[in-house]
Amino acid sequence: MATASAVSPPPTRRSESTGLAGSLAIVGLWRREFTGYSRVHLTADVLAGLNVGAVSLPLALAFGVASGATAAAGLVTAIISGLVMGFLGGAPFQVSGPTGAMAAILVGITATYGLPGMWLAGAMAGLIIMGLGLFRMGRLIQFIPSPVIVGFTSGIALVIASGQLDNVLGLEIGNFPQQYLHLIAVIENLGLIDWHAIVVTAIVIGTMVTVPRWNRNIPASLLGIALATIVANVLDWPVHMIGHIPRTILLPDRLDPSSITLDGVAMLVAPAVSIAVLASIKSLLCGTVGGNLTGVKMNNDQELIALGLGNLIIPFLGGVPASAAVARTSVAIRSGGRTRLVPIIHGLVLLAAALLIGPALERVPLAALGGVLLVTSVRVNDWVTMRFFVHRRLWHAVAVMLVTMVATYVFNLTQAVVIGMVVSVLWFVRQASVIDVSRQPVDGTRMKERGQELRGDHPGVEVVYVTGPLFFGNISTFLEALEDVPTSTALILSLRGMPTLDAVGVQAIEETILRQHHGGGSVHLVGLQPASRRRLERSGVLERLGTGRVHWSADQAITAIDAEHHAVDADTPAQHSI
């Protein structure tokens, strides 16, 4: 099999223009990929496509079943994903199809709304994803904190693992809206465990764990399923099989356009959003991983357009919603794939498998697919990032991760992401609300040592140093620190350590100015950041402050106050002589 070093690296141009409808960005992507394309590159792409197809076949079957549909549905999904999303995708390396993450939320949707509901939600999600791409929303993923992403990924792993317990234990348990209900049902039926299914699962897991240690080029999951299938069929074990696989990509059970109603659409908005969010996040994350491996930046908006179109088509053929898959994408890159021919060839390989070896696939035990999914549920976790959080003692990140993980398992993906985001925001607000307000009297001796001669002592001048953002979360701390400052003094607010302020912060500064003016004192602002100064100017606070009251440093402010006091003292005799 080819390796990544077998062909020259792809061009390194890193961006494509985007716009409404991608501004035909896909044409530029095709042109860039196939410039200088040769027979050597074609050979590498074909071999990479074969490799990815071999890896994808068992996963497609497994994730179809795990979604609450059939193995045939997973196979159709992988075929259409390879052909449509591969052809129109935003990167040459991206391979899409059914995934464990998607299966984790689809099984609950299927249990609640049935297969027709899952298909309609998938089509609606396709439209949502296309809209995100058309309106250039591909960068939104950067606003989701890493602990939230790691947390829902681990939560999805729990859903995948617990959802396969009935298959690996040989139990007949239906799907449930929530996975913890499924787990309870498994526990209640432990007395009905079939050891045949456990042995089949063990064969697959053992193969997937051991084979890569001595040869990573062999598709271990495919080999494990083959061995388990041979054992189960030769010994005629009473285990549940995949069953009938139609020799077509147009499955008899599929979304019927005539069955779509407005009430049905309204009922499935939340599931559709969940599917769209997950598919978008996973695909864009996969693009980031692939970009790091190849040096080629993915066009996020074009990828979303392709992802949405594929998911819009798939339900009408009987498949399940899809997203990009990191493992399959990594195989494509490691195998030396150069262009989008790799996912297309992978789709054709799976199509050939469905048409030519369907009878053999029908004899695959469900327990074998369960073994594949158990291994996948372990590998899908971002162990590197989790270790980083723990070793660096980033306990707030660990807390957000755990909360999101539990929420993903107990509720659903959309709710879990919202909960994780809320916890992250609350933690940020708590950290950002820390503000330090310290007061210091004027040190005339120190200023003289620095060459700044004052005309007198200034007991009526106080310098207050503010460090931290000034916003609604810490206004009370700021105002309390200034409560006992005499209103007759000249108050210097050193704001160099204040990176930003919100409307409440502007209001607090204005109230301080009015308070000092009312008592006969004054306020001088020092070290304003440009953004804060513009905000105070627009709000009219600097005008209310008075001229000559904004300074670069506290020393300049003290010197200005000293000169102001001297001018007043010098003018006093003249006033008495009138």
Protein backbone atom coordinates (compact mmCIF):
# COMPACT_ATOMS: atom_id res chain seq x y z
CA MET A 1 0.00 0.00 0.00
CA ALA A 2 1.19 3.51 -0.73
CA THR A 3 2.64 5.73 1.92
CA ALA A 4 2.51 9.47 2.34
CA SER A 5 6.04 9.83 0.95
CA ALA A 6 5.18 8.20 -2.35
CA VAL A 7 4.00 11.39 -3.99
CA SER A 8 4.99 15.01 -3.94
CA PRO A 9 3.24 17.17 -1.34
CA PRO A 10 0.17 19.15 -2.37
CA PRO A 11 0.47 22.84 -3.19
CA THR A 12 0.68 25.04 -0.11
CA ARG A 13 -1.52 27.93 -1.14
CA ARG A 14 -3.66 28.37 1.94
CA SER A 15 -6.87 30.16 1.19
CA GLU A 16 -9.72 30.45 -1.26
CA SER A 17 -12.07 33.37 -1.54
CA THR A 18 -15.49 32.78 -0.15
CA GLY A 19 -18.77 34.52 -0.61
CA LEU A 20 -22.46 33.87 -1.00
CA ALA A 21 -22.73 30.44 -2.61
CA GLY A 22 -18.99 30.12 -2.12
CA SER A 23 -18.37 32.36 -5.18
CA LEU A 24 -17.74 29.09 -7.04
CA ALA A 25 -14.82 28.45 -4.70
CA ILE A 26 -15.07 24.77 -5.52
CA VAL A 27 -13.79 25.47 -9.04
CA GLY A 28 -10.68 27.06 -7.58
CA LEU A 29 -10.21 24.10 -5.25
CA TRP A 30 -10.43 21.63 -8.14
CA ARG A 31 -7.99 23.67 -10.21
CA ARG A 32 -5.50 23.85 -7.37
CA GLU A 33 -5.67 20.13 -6.61
CA PHE A 34 -5.29 18.88 -10.16
CA THR A 35 -2.62 21.30 -11.37
CA GLY A 36 0.35 19.12 -12.35
CA TYR A 37 -1.64 15.95 -11.69
CA SER A 38 0.07 12.84 -13.07
CA ARG A 39 -0.30 9.07 -13.31
CA VAL A 40 1.81 8.71 -10.18
CA HIS A 41 -0.65 10.86 -8.26
CA LEU A 42 -3.59 8.89 -9.68
CA THR A 43 -2.02 5.63 -8.55
CA ALA A 44 -1.53 7.04 -5.05
CA ASP A 45 -5.12 8.29 -4.93
CA VAL A 46 -6.50 4.92 -6.04
CA LEU A 47 -4.49 3.03 -3.43
CA ALA A 48 -5.48 5.52 -0.75
CA GLY A 49 -9.13 5.21 -1.78
CA LEU A 50 -8.92 1.42 -1.51
CA ASN A 51 -7.36 1.72 1.94
CA VAL A 52 -10.03 4.11 3.16
CA GLY A 53 -12.76 1.92 1.68
CA ALA A 54 -11.44 -1.11 3.56
CA VAL A 55 -11.40 0.86 6.80
CA SER A 56 -14.82 2.42 6.18
CA LEU A 57 -16.75 -0.75 5.34
CA PRO A 58 -17.03 -2.20 8.86
CA LEU A 59 -17.53 1.26 10.35
CA ALA A 60 -20.33 2.08 7.93
CA LEU A 61 -22.14 -1.15 8.82
CA ALA A 62 -21.61 -0.61 12.55
CA PHE A 63 -22.67 3.02 12.65
CA GLY A 64 -25.77 2.29 10.58
CA VAL A 65 -26.92 -0.20 13.20
CA ALA A 66 -25.83 2.05 16.07
CA SER A 67 -27.97 4.88 14.65
CA GLY A 68 -31.10 2.83 15.17
CA ALA A 69 -31.35 2.10 11.44
CA THR A 70 -29.78 -0.79 9.52
CA ALA A 71 -26.32 -1.73 8.33
CA ALA A 72 -27.51 -1.07 4.77
CA ALA A 73 -28.42 2.49 5.78
CA GLY A 74 -24.89 3.05 7.06
CA LEU A 75 -23.45 1.66 3.84
CA VAL A 76 -25.61 3.94 1.67
CA THR A 77 -24.60 6.89 3.83
CA ALA A 78 -20.91 6.17 3.35
CA ILE A 79 -21.33 5.77 -0.41
CA ILE A 80 -23.23 9.03 -0.94
CA SER A 81 -20.96 10.90 1.48
CA GLY A 82 -17.90 9.81 -0.45
CA LEU A 83 -19.36 10.73 -3.82
CA VAL A 84 -21.20 13.98 -3.03
CA MET A 85 -19.28 15.44 -0.10
CA GLY A 86 -15.97 14.26 -1.52
CA PHE A 87 -16.68 15.85 -4.90
CA LEU A 88 -17.85 19.21 -3.51
CA GLY A 89 -15.96 19.37 -0.19
CA GLY A 90 -13.76 22.18 1.01
CA ALA A 91 -10.56 20.13 1.26
CA PRO A 92 -8.92 17.36 -0.78
CA PHE A 93 -8.29 15.18 2.25
CA GLN A 94 -11.71 15.17 3.95
CA VAL A 95 -13.54 11.82 4.11
CA SER A 96 -17.13 11.81 5.36
CA GLY A 97 -19.66 9.16 6.27
CA PRO A 98 -21.63 7.79 9.21
CA THR A 99 -19.79 8.35 12.49
CA GLY A 100 -20.03 7.19 16.06
CA ALA A 101 -20.69 10.72 17.26
CA MET A 102 -23.64 11.08 14.93
CA ALA A 103 -24.94 7.62 15.78
CA ALA A 104 -24.93 8.58 19.45
CA ILE A 105 -27.59 11.25 18.94
CA LEU A 106 -29.44 9.55 16.08
CA VAL A 107 -30.31 6.51 18.18
CA GLY A 108 -32.27 8.73 20.59
CA ILE A 109 -33.98 10.59 17.76
CA THR A 110 -34.93 7.31 16.10
CA ALA A 111 -36.31 5.93 19.36
CA THR A 112 -38.45 9.04 19.85
CA TYR A 113 -39.60 9.89 16.33
CA GLY A 114 -38.98 6.67 14.39
CA LEU A 115 -36.95 6.30 11.22
CA PRO A 116 -39.15 8.74 9.23
CA GLY A 117 -38.57 11.38 11.90
CA MET A 118 -34.82 10.77 11.85
CA TRP A 119 -34.74 11.03 8.05
CA LEU A 120 -36.71 14.28 8.02
CA ALA A 121 -34.56 15.76 10.78
CA GLY A 122 -31.48 14.81 8.76
CA ALA A 123 -32.80 16.54 5.64
CA MET A 124 -33.67 19.64 7.66
CA ALA A 125 -30.19 19.58 9.16
CA GLY A 126 -28.78 19.48 5.64
CA LEU A 127 -30.61 22.70 4.79
CA ILE A 128 -29.38 24.33 8.01
CA ILE A 129 -25.78 23.33 7.32
CA MET A 130 -25.99 24.59 3.73
CA GLY A 131 -27.27 27.90 5.06
CA LEU A 132 -24.31 28.15 7.43
CA GLY A 133 -21.96 27.63 4.50
CA LEU A 134 -23.74 29.98 2.12
CA PHE A 135 -23.69 32.77 4.67
CA ARG A 136 -20.04 32.19 5.57
CA MET A 137 -20.54 30.93 9.11
CA GLY A 138 -17.72 28.41 8.94
CA ARG A 139 -15.66 30.25 11.55
CA LEU A 140 -18.24 29.93 14.31
CA ILE A 141 -16.58 26.81 15.67
CA GLN A 142 -13.80 28.93 17.14
CA PHE A 143 -16.27 30.29 19.69
CA ILE A 144 -16.85 26.87 21.25
CA PRO A 145 -14.32 26.34 24.08
CA SER A 146 -12.04 23.33 23.90
CA PRO A 147 -13.30 21.82 27.21
CA VAL A 148 -16.84 21.82 25.81
CA ILE A 149 -15.73 20.01 22.64
CA VAL A 150 -13.69 17.47 24.61
CA GLY A 151 -16.58 16.98 27.02
CA PHE A 152 -19.25 16.29 24.46
CA THR A 153 -16.86 14.01 22.57
CA SER A 154 -16.39 11.93 25.73
CA GLY A 155 -20.12 12.01 26.36
CA ILE A 156 -20.68 10.69 22.86
CA ALA A 157 -18.17 7.91 23.59
CA LEU A 158 -20.26 6.90 26.62
CA VAL A 159 -23.41 6.89 24.51
CA ILE A 160 -21.75 4.71 21.86
CA ALA A 161 -20.42 2.22 24.40
CA SER A 162 -23.59 1.86 26.45
CA GLY A 163 -25.69 1.71 23.29
CA GLN A 164 -23.86 -1.44 22.14
CA LEU A 165 -24.09 -3.39 25.38
CA ASP A 166 -27.14 -5.29 24.20
CA ASN A 167 -25.40 -6.39 20.99
CA VAL A 168 -22.15 -7.45 22.67
CA LEU A 169 -24.05 -9.32 25.41
CA GLY A 170 -26.50 -10.97 23.01
CA LEU A 171 -29.57 -9.25 24.45
CA GLU A 172 -32.66 -8.15 22.54
CA ILE A 173 -33.33 -4.64 23.79
CA GLY A 174 -34.87 -1.87 21.71
CA ASN A 175 -33.74 1.74 21.41
CA PHE A 176 -34.51 4.32 24.08
CA PRO A 177 -34.75 8.14 23.87
CA GLN A 178 -32.05 8.45 26.55
CA GLN A 179 -29.06 6.18 26.89
CA TYR A 180 -29.27 5.85 30.66
CA LEU A 181 -32.67 4.19 30.15
CA HIS A 182 -31.02 1.75 27.75
CA LEU A 183 -28.34 1.03 30.35
CA ILE A 184 -30.99 0.33 32.98
CA ALA A 185 -32.72 -2.10 30.61
CA VAL A 186 -29.43 -3.91 29.99
CA ILE A 187 -28.82 -4.28 33.72
CA GLU A 188 -32.32 -5.65 34.22
CA ASN A 189 -31.69 -8.34 31.55
CA LEU A 190 -28.20 -9.46 32.59
CA GLY A 191 -29.56 -12.93 33.32
CA LEU A 192 -30.17 -13.45 29.59
CA ILE A 193 -26.56 -12.89 28.46
CA ASP A 194 -25.43 -15.05 25.52
CA TRP A 195 -21.77 -16.09 25.78
CA HIS A 196 -21.58 -16.63 22.01
CA ALA A 197 -22.02 -12.90 21.42
CA ILE A 198 -19.37 -12.10 24.03
CA VAL A 199 -16.84 -14.37 22.30
CA VAL A 200 -17.61 -12.79 18.91
CA THR A 201 -17.08 -9.35 20.41
CA ALA A 202 -13.83 -10.46 22.06
CA ILE A 203 -12.46 -11.72 18.72
CA VAL A 204 -13.06 -8.33 17.11
CA ILE A 205 -11.66 -6.32 20.02
CA GLY A 206 -8.61 -8.57 20.30
CA THR A 207 -7.89 -8.22 16.59
CA MET A 208 -8.32 -4.43 16.59
CA VAL A 209 -6.01 -4.06 19.59
CA THR A 210 -3.23 -6.46 18.58
CA VAL A 211 -2.94 -6.25 14.78
CA PRO A 212 -1.91 -2.55 14.60
CA ARG A 213 1.00 -3.30 16.94
CA TRP A 214 2.81 -5.28 14.26
CA ASN A 215 1.30 -3.93 11.02
CA ARG A 216 -0.66 -0.69 10.90
CA ASN A 217 -1.40 -1.05 7.19
CA ILE A 218 -3.84 -3.92 7.74
CA PRO A 219 -7.44 -2.71 8.34
CA ALA A 220 -7.78 -4.36 11.74
CA SER A 221 -11.51 -3.74 12.13
CA LEU A 222 -12.25 -5.40 8.79
CA LEU A 223 -10.00 -8.35 9.65
CA GLY A 224 -11.62 -8.72 13.06
CA ILE A 225 -15.12 -8.73 11.61
CA ALA A 226 -14.06 -11.28 8.98
CA LEU A 227 -12.60 -13.63 11.62
CA ALA A 228 -15.60 -13.27 13.92
CA THR A 229 -18.01 -13.85 11.03
CA ILE A 230 -16.18 -16.99 9.95
CA VAL A 231 -16.16 -18.40 13.48
CA ALA A 232 -19.83 -17.63 14.12
CA ASN A 233 -21.01 -19.08 10.81
CA VAL A 234 -18.75 -22.15 10.72
CA LEU A 235 -19.75 -23.11 14.26
CA ASP A 236 -23.37 -22.13 13.56
CA TRP A 237 -23.64 -20.02 16.68
CA PRO A 238 -27.08 -18.57 17.51
CA VAL A 239 -26.07 -14.91 17.27
CA HIS A 240 -28.00 -12.09 15.63
CA MET A 241 -26.81 -11.19 12.12
CA ILE A 242 -26.99 -7.98 10.10
CA GLY A 243 -29.66 -9.39 7.84
CA HIS A 244 -30.74 -8.40 4.35
CA ILE A 245 -28.72 -5.79 2.45
CA PRO A 246 -30.45 -4.58 -0.74
CA ARG A 247 -28.31 -4.57 -3.88
CA THR A 248 -29.05 -0.91 -4.50
CA ILE A 249 -28.34 2.49 -3.00
CA LEU A 250 -32.05 3.34 -3.13
CA LEU A 251 -33.27 1.51 -0.05
CA PRO A 252 -36.92 0.47 0.21
CA ASP A 253 -37.19 2.25 3.57
CA ARG A 254 -36.42 5.92 2.98
CA LEU A 255 -37.83 9.42 3.39
CA ASP A 256 -41.01 9.84 1.37
CA PRO A 257 -41.47 13.48 0.20
CA SER A 258 -45.25 13.09 0.34
CA SER A 259 -45.06 12.32 4.07
CA ILE A 260 -43.49 15.69 4.97
CA THR A 261 -45.88 18.02 6.80
CA LEU A 262 -45.49 21.40 8.47
CA ASP A 263 -46.40 19.89 11.83
CA GLY A 264 -43.71 17.26 11.37
CA VAL A 265 -41.14 19.89 10.44
CA ALA A 266 -42.03 22.01 13.47
CA MET A 267 -41.78 18.99 15.77
CA LEU A 268 -38.29 18.11 14.49
CA VAL A 269 -36.62 21.53 14.65
CA ALA A 270 -34.68 20.71 17.82
CA PRO A 271 -33.38 17.32 16.57
CA ALA A 272 -32.45 18.92 13.24
CA VAL A 273 -30.47 21.63 15.00
CA SER A 274 -28.70 18.97 17.08
CA ILE A 275 -27.71 17.06 13.95
CA ALA A 276 -26.60 20.24 12.18
CA VAL A 277 -24.52 21.41 15.13
CA LEU A 278 -22.79 18.07 15.57
CA ALA A 279 -22.14 17.51 11.87
CA SER A 280 -20.73 21.02 11.46
CA ILE A 281 -18.51 20.86 14.53
CA LYS A 282 -17.12 17.41 13.76
CA SER A 283 -16.49 18.24 10.10
CA LEU A 284 -14.74 21.53 10.83
CA LEU A 285 -12.66 19.93 13.57
CA CYS A 286 -11.72 17.15 11.17
CA GLY A 287 -10.71 19.80 8.64
CA THR A 288 -8.45 21.40 11.22
CA VAL A 289 -6.78 18.07 11.97
CA GLY A 290 -6.33 17.31 8.29
CA GLY A 291 -5.01 20.79 7.63
CA ASN A 292 -2.39 20.36 10.33
CA LEU A 293 -1.28 17.06 8.78
CA THR A 294 -1.11 18.32 5.18
CA GLY A 295 -0.45 22.04 5.42
CA VAL A 296 -3.54 22.72 3.28
CA LYS A 297 -6.19 24.94 4.83
CA MET A 298 -9.77 23.81 4.33
CA ASN A 299 -12.39 26.16 2.92
CA ASN A 300 -14.82 25.87 5.83
CA ASP A 301 -17.77 27.45 4.06
CA GLN A 302 -17.46 25.21 1.00
CA GLU A 303 -17.17 22.19 3.28
CA LEU A 304 -20.41 23.13 5.01
CA ILE A 305 -22.17 23.56 1.67
CA ALA A 306 -21.06 20.08 0.57
CA LEU A 307 -21.92 18.59 3.97
CA GLY A 308 -25.37 20.15 3.90
CA LEU A 309 -26.11 19.03 0.35
CA GLY A 310 -25.03 15.47 1.12
CA ASN A 311 -27.19 15.31 4.23
CA LEU A 312 -30.11 16.72 2.28
CA ILE A 313 -29.84 13.93 -0.31
CA ILE A 314 -29.04 10.96 1.95
CA PRO A 315 -32.44 10.62 3.75
CA PHE A 316 -34.26 10.30 0.42
CA LEU A 317 -32.10 7.22 -0.29
CA GLY A 318 -32.62 5.68 3.15
CA GLY A 319 -29.32 6.63 4.76
CA VAL A 320 -28.51 8.37 8.03
CA PRO A 321 -26.98 11.84 8.59
CA ALA A 322 -23.23 12.02 8.08
CA SER A 323 -20.22 14.13 9.01
CA ALA A 324 -16.50 14.09 8.35
CA ALA A 325 -14.56 11.34 10.12
CA VAL A 326 -11.11 12.00 11.58
CA ALA A 327 -9.97 8.36 11.48
CA ARG A 328 -10.88 7.84 7.83
CA THR A 329 -9.42 11.23 6.89
CA SER A 330 -6.17 10.34 8.65
CA VAL A 331 -6.01 7.03 6.76
CA ALA A 332 -6.46 8.89 3.47
CA ILE A 333 -3.61 11.26 4.30
CA ARG A 334 -1.26 8.57 5.62
CA SER A 335 -1.94 6.47 2.53
CA GLY A 336 -0.59 9.21 0.27
CA GLY A 337 -3.89 10.59 -1.01
CA ARG A 338 -3.53 13.88 -2.84
CA THR A 339 -6.95 14.92 -4.13
CA ARG A 340 -10.67 14.48 -3.59
CA LEU A 341 -10.52 11.41 -5.80
CA VAL A 342 -9.69 9.53 -2.59
CA PRO A 343 -13.13 9.94 -0.93
CA ILE A 344 -14.81 9.43 -4.30
CA ILE A 345 -12.93 6.16 -4.90
CA HIS A 346 -13.70 5.14 -1.33
CA GLY A 347 -17.40 5.64 -2.12
CA LEU A 348 -17.11 3.56 -5.29
CA VAL A 349 -15.35 0.78 -3.34
CA LEU A 350 -18.23 0.67 -0.87
CA LEU A 351 -20.74 0.67 -3.71
CA ALA A 352 -18.97 -2.32 -5.24
CA ALA A 353 -19.02 -4.05 -1.85
CA ALA A 354 -22.76 -3.52 -1.51
CA LEU A 355 -23.42 -4.90 -4.99
CA LEU A 356 -20.91 -7.76 -5.07
CA ILE A 357 -20.45 -9.10 -1.54
CA GLY A 358 -23.83 -8.27 -0.05
CA PRO A 359 -24.59 -11.92 0.82
CA ALA A 360 -21.38 -12.16 2.86
CA LEU A 361 -22.11 -8.90 4.66
CA GLU A 362 -25.54 -10.18 5.63
CA ARG A 363 -23.89 -12.92 7.71
CA VAL A 364 -21.88 -10.50 9.87
CA PRO A 365 -22.91 -10.82 13.57
CA LEU A 366 -24.21 -7.70 15.27
CA ALA A 367 -21.89 -8.55 18.17
CA ALA A 368 -18.94 -8.10 15.80
CA LEU A 369 -20.13 -4.60 14.93
CA GLY A 370 -20.59 -3.97 18.65
CA GLY A 371 -16.94 -4.87 19.20
CA VAL A 372 -15.89 -2.33 16.56
CA LEU A 373 -17.97 0.34 18.26
CA LEU A 374 -16.61 -0.43 21.74
CA VAL A 375 -13.06 0.09 20.49
CA THR A 376 -14.18 3.22 18.65
CA SER A 377 -15.78 4.60 21.82
CA VAL A 378 -12.40 4.41 23.55
CA ARG A 379 -10.41 5.86 20.68
CA VAL A 380 -12.78 8.75 19.99
CA ASN A 381 -11.84 10.44 23.27
CA ASP A 382 -9.32 13.27 23.11
CA TRP A 383 -6.98 11.72 25.66
CA VAL A 384 -4.13 14.12 24.86
CA THR A 385 -6.17 17.20 25.72
CA MET A 386 -7.66 15.57 28.81
CA ARG A 387 -4.19 14.71 30.12
CA PHE A 388 -3.11 18.28 29.41
CA PHE A 389 -5.98 19.66 31.49
CA VAL A 390 -5.18 17.36 34.42
CA HIS A 391 -1.38 17.64 34.34
CA ARG A 392 -1.56 21.45 34.13
CA ARG A 393 -4.16 21.46 36.91
CA LEU A 394 -6.66 23.38 34.81
CA TRP A 395 -9.49 22.35 37.09
CA HIS A 396 -11.98 24.80 35.60
CA ALA A 397 -11.46 23.13 32.20
CA VAL A 398 -11.86 19.70 33.80
CA ALA A 399 -15.09 20.85 35.45
CA VAL A 400 -16.53 22.19 32.19
CA MET A 401 -15.49 19.00 30.40
CA LEU A 402 -17.14 16.73 32.99
CA VAL A 403 -20.34 18.77 33.10
CA THR A 404 -20.62 18.69 29.31
CA MET A 405 -19.85 14.96 29.21
CA VAL A 406 -22.56 14.10 31.74
CA ALA A 407 -25.05 16.43 30.04
CA THR A 408 -24.37 14.77 26.68
CA TYR A 409 -25.11 11.36 28.14
CA VAL A 410 -28.16 12.37 30.16
CA PHE A 411 -29.75 14.91 27.80
CA ASN A 412 -28.76 15.53 24.17
CA LEU A 413 -25.97 17.19 22.24
CA THR A 414 -27.56 20.61 21.79
CA GLN A 415 -28.48 20.89 25.45
CA ALA A 416 -25.03 19.64 26.44
CA VAL A 417 -23.24 22.24 24.32
CA VAL A 418 -25.47 24.99 25.71
CA ILE A 419 -24.86 23.81 29.28
CA GLY A 420 -21.11 23.61 28.65
CA MET A 421 -21.08 27.08 27.10
CA VAL A 422 -23.05 28.54 30.02
CA VAL A 423 -20.66 27.00 32.56
CA SER A 424 -17.69 28.32 30.55
CA VAL A 425 -19.18 31.82 30.37
CA LEU A 426 -19.96 31.84 34.09
CA TRP A 427 -16.40 30.80 34.86
CA PHE A 428 -15.07 33.51 32.56
CA VAL A 429 -17.28 36.15 34.18
CA ARG A 430 -16.09 35.03 37.59
CA GLN A 431 -12.46 35.30 36.54
CA ALA A 432 -12.99 38.57 34.68
CA SER A 433 -14.81 40.12 37.62
CA VAL A 434 -11.62 40.10 39.67
CA ILE A 435 -10.56 43.74 39.89
CA ASP A 436 -7.91 45.32 42.07
CA VAL A 437 -8.50 48.88 43.30
CA SER A 438 -5.64 50.31 45.38
CA ARG A 439 -5.21 53.82 46.81
CA GLN A 440 -1.96 55.67 47.36
CA PRO A 441 -1.24 59.22 48.58
CA VAL A 442 1.04 61.52 46.60
CA ASP A 443 4.70 60.86 47.42
CA GLY A 444 6.34 64.26 46.88
CA THR A 445 9.76 62.98 47.92
CA ARG A 446 9.73 60.26 45.29
CA MET A 447 8.70 62.73 42.61
CA LYS A 448 11.53 65.09 43.56
CA GLU A 449 13.97 62.20 43.27
CA ARG A 450 12.71 61.73 39.72
CA GLY A 451 13.29 65.39 38.90
CA GLN A 452 9.69 66.57 39.20
CA GLU A 453 9.62 69.54 41.59
CA LEU A 454 6.27 70.29 43.24
CA ARG A 455 5.39 73.71 44.57
CA GLY A 456 3.86 72.34 47.74
CA ASP A 457 2.43 69.37 49.60
CA HIS A 458 -0.81 67.89 48.34
CA PRO A 459 -2.67 66.07 51.08
CA GLY A 460 -5.89 66.62 49.10
CA VAL A 461 -4.76 64.46 46.19
CA GLU A 462 -5.31 60.71 46.03
CA VAL A 463 -4.17 58.27 43.37
CA VAL A 464 -6.33 55.19 42.76
CA TYR A 465 -4.94 52.37 40.61
CA VAL A 466 -7.49 50.15 38.84
CA THR A 467 -6.36 46.77 37.49
CA GLY A 468 -8.80 44.58 35.59
CA PRO A 469 -11.82 45.12 33.31
CA LEU A 470 -14.51 47.41 34.66
CA PHE A 471 -17.93 45.91 33.94
CA PHE A 472 -21.21 44.97 35.55
CA GLY A 473 -19.68 42.04 37.42
CA ASN A 474 -17.31 44.12 39.56
CA ILE A 475 -18.77 47.64 39.67
CA SER A 476 -19.68 47.24 43.33
CA THR A 477 -16.03 46.51 44.19
CA PHE A 478 -14.91 49.63 42.32
CA LEU A 479 -17.47 51.95 43.93
CA GLU A 480 -16.94 50.55 47.44
CA ALA A 481 -13.20 51.27 47.17
CA LEU A 482 -13.98 54.94 46.45
CA GLU A 483 -16.68 55.44 49.08
CA ASP A 484 -14.43 57.03 51.71
CA VAL A 485 -12.48 59.25 49.29
CA PRO A 486 -13.32 62.84 50.33
CA THR A 487 -15.32 64.58 47.63
CA SER A 488 -13.20 67.69 48.06
CA THR A 489 -10.01 65.98 46.90
CA ALA A 490 -8.44 65.75 43.48
CA LEU A 491 -8.91 62.09 42.57
CA ILE A 492 -6.52 60.54 40.05
CA LEU A 493 -7.86 57.34 38.48
CA SER A 494 -5.00 55.37 36.95
CA LEU A 495 -6.71 53.14 34.37
CA ARG A 496 -3.70 51.78 32.52
CA GLY A 497 -4.43 48.32 33.92
CA MET A 498 -8.07 48.46 32.80
CA PRO A 499 -8.22 46.70 29.39
CA THR A 500 -11.88 47.42 28.76
CA LEU A 501 -15.11 48.67 30.28
CA ASP A 502 -18.77 48.20 29.48
CA ALA A 503 -21.71 50.60 29.68
CA VAL A 504 -22.04 50.05 33.43
CA GLY A 505 -18.34 50.86 33.82
CA VAL A 506 -18.81 54.10 31.87
CA GLN A 507 -21.72 54.97 34.13
CA ALA A 508 -19.65 54.28 37.27
CA ILE A 509 -16.84 56.59 36.11
CA GLU A 510 -19.35 59.32 35.30
CA GLU A 511 -20.97 58.97 38.73
CA THR A 512 -17.53 59.28 40.34
CA ILE A 513 -16.81 62.47 38.36
CA LEU A 514 -20.16 64.03 39.33
CA ARG A 515 -19.64 63.05 42.97
CA GLN A 516 -16.23 64.73 43.15
CA HIS A 517 -17.40 67.83 41.28
CA HIS A 518 -20.39 68.19 43.60
CA GLY A 519 -18.07 68.17 46.62
CA GLY A 520 -15.66 70.70 45.15
CA GLY A 521 -13.05 68.18 44.06
CA SER A 522 -11.97 66.95 40.66
CA VAL A 523 -11.15 63.77 38.76
CA HIS A 524 -8.17 63.13 36.50
CA LEU A 525 -7.98 60.04 34.28
CA VAL A 526 -4.61 58.46 33.60
CA GLY A 527 -3.38 55.83 31.13
CA LEU A 528 -6.63 55.24 29.25
CA GLN A 529 -6.48 52.44 26.70
CA PRO A 530 -7.49 53.61 23.19
CA ALA A 531 -10.73 51.60 23.11
CA SER A 532 -11.75 52.81 26.58
CA ARG A 533 -10.96 56.40 25.66
CA ARG A 534 -13.10 56.21 22.53
CA ARG A 535 -16.00 54.82 24.52
CA LEU A 536 -15.74 57.57 27.13
CA GLU A 537 -15.53 60.19 24.39
CA ARG A 538 -18.60 58.89 22.58
CA SER A 539 -20.59 58.82 25.81
CA GLY A 540 -19.66 62.43 26.67
CA VAL A 541 -17.87 61.49 29.90
CA LEU A 542 -14.59 63.16 28.91
CA GLU A 543 -16.45 66.36 28.10
CA ARG A 544 -18.05 66.29 31.54
CA LEU A 545 -14.61 65.60 33.04
CA GLY A 546 -13.27 68.96 31.84
CA THR A 547 -10.29 70.03 29.76
CA GLY A 548 -6.78 69.04 30.75
CA ARG A 549 -7.98 66.18 32.92
CA VAL A 550 -6.72 63.22 30.83
CA HIS A 551 -3.04 62.35 31.24
CA TRP A 552 -0.51 59.75 30.17
CA SER A 553 0.83 59.07 33.67
CA ALA A 554 -0.02 59.72 37.30
CA ASP A 555 3.07 61.94 37.58
CA GLN A 556 1.73 64.17 34.80
CA ALA A 557 -1.63 64.36 36.54
CA ILE A 558 -0.01 65.31 39.86
CA THR A 559 2.09 67.97 38.14
CA ALA A 560 -1.04 69.39 36.46
CA ILE A 561 -2.91 69.46 39.79
CA ASP A 562 0.09 71.13 41.43
CA ALA A 563 0.17 73.81 38.74
CA GLU A 564 -3.59 74.27 39.05
CA HIS A 565 -3.36 74.74 42.81
CA HIS A 566 -0.44 77.18 42.42
CA ALA A 567 -2.43 79.22 39.91
CA VAL A 568 -5.35 79.42 42.33
CA ASP A 569 -3.06 80.46 45.21
CA ALA A 570 -1.37 83.12 43.08
CA ASP A 571 -4.73 84.55 42.05
CA THR A 572 -6.10 84.83 45.60
CA PRO A 573 -4.37 88.19 46.67
CA ALA A 574 -5.56 89.83 43.50
CA GLN A 575 -9.11 88.87 44.32
CA HIS A 576 -8.76 90.38 47.85
CA SER A 577 -7.43 93.67 46.45
CA ILE A 578 -10.47 94.28 44.32
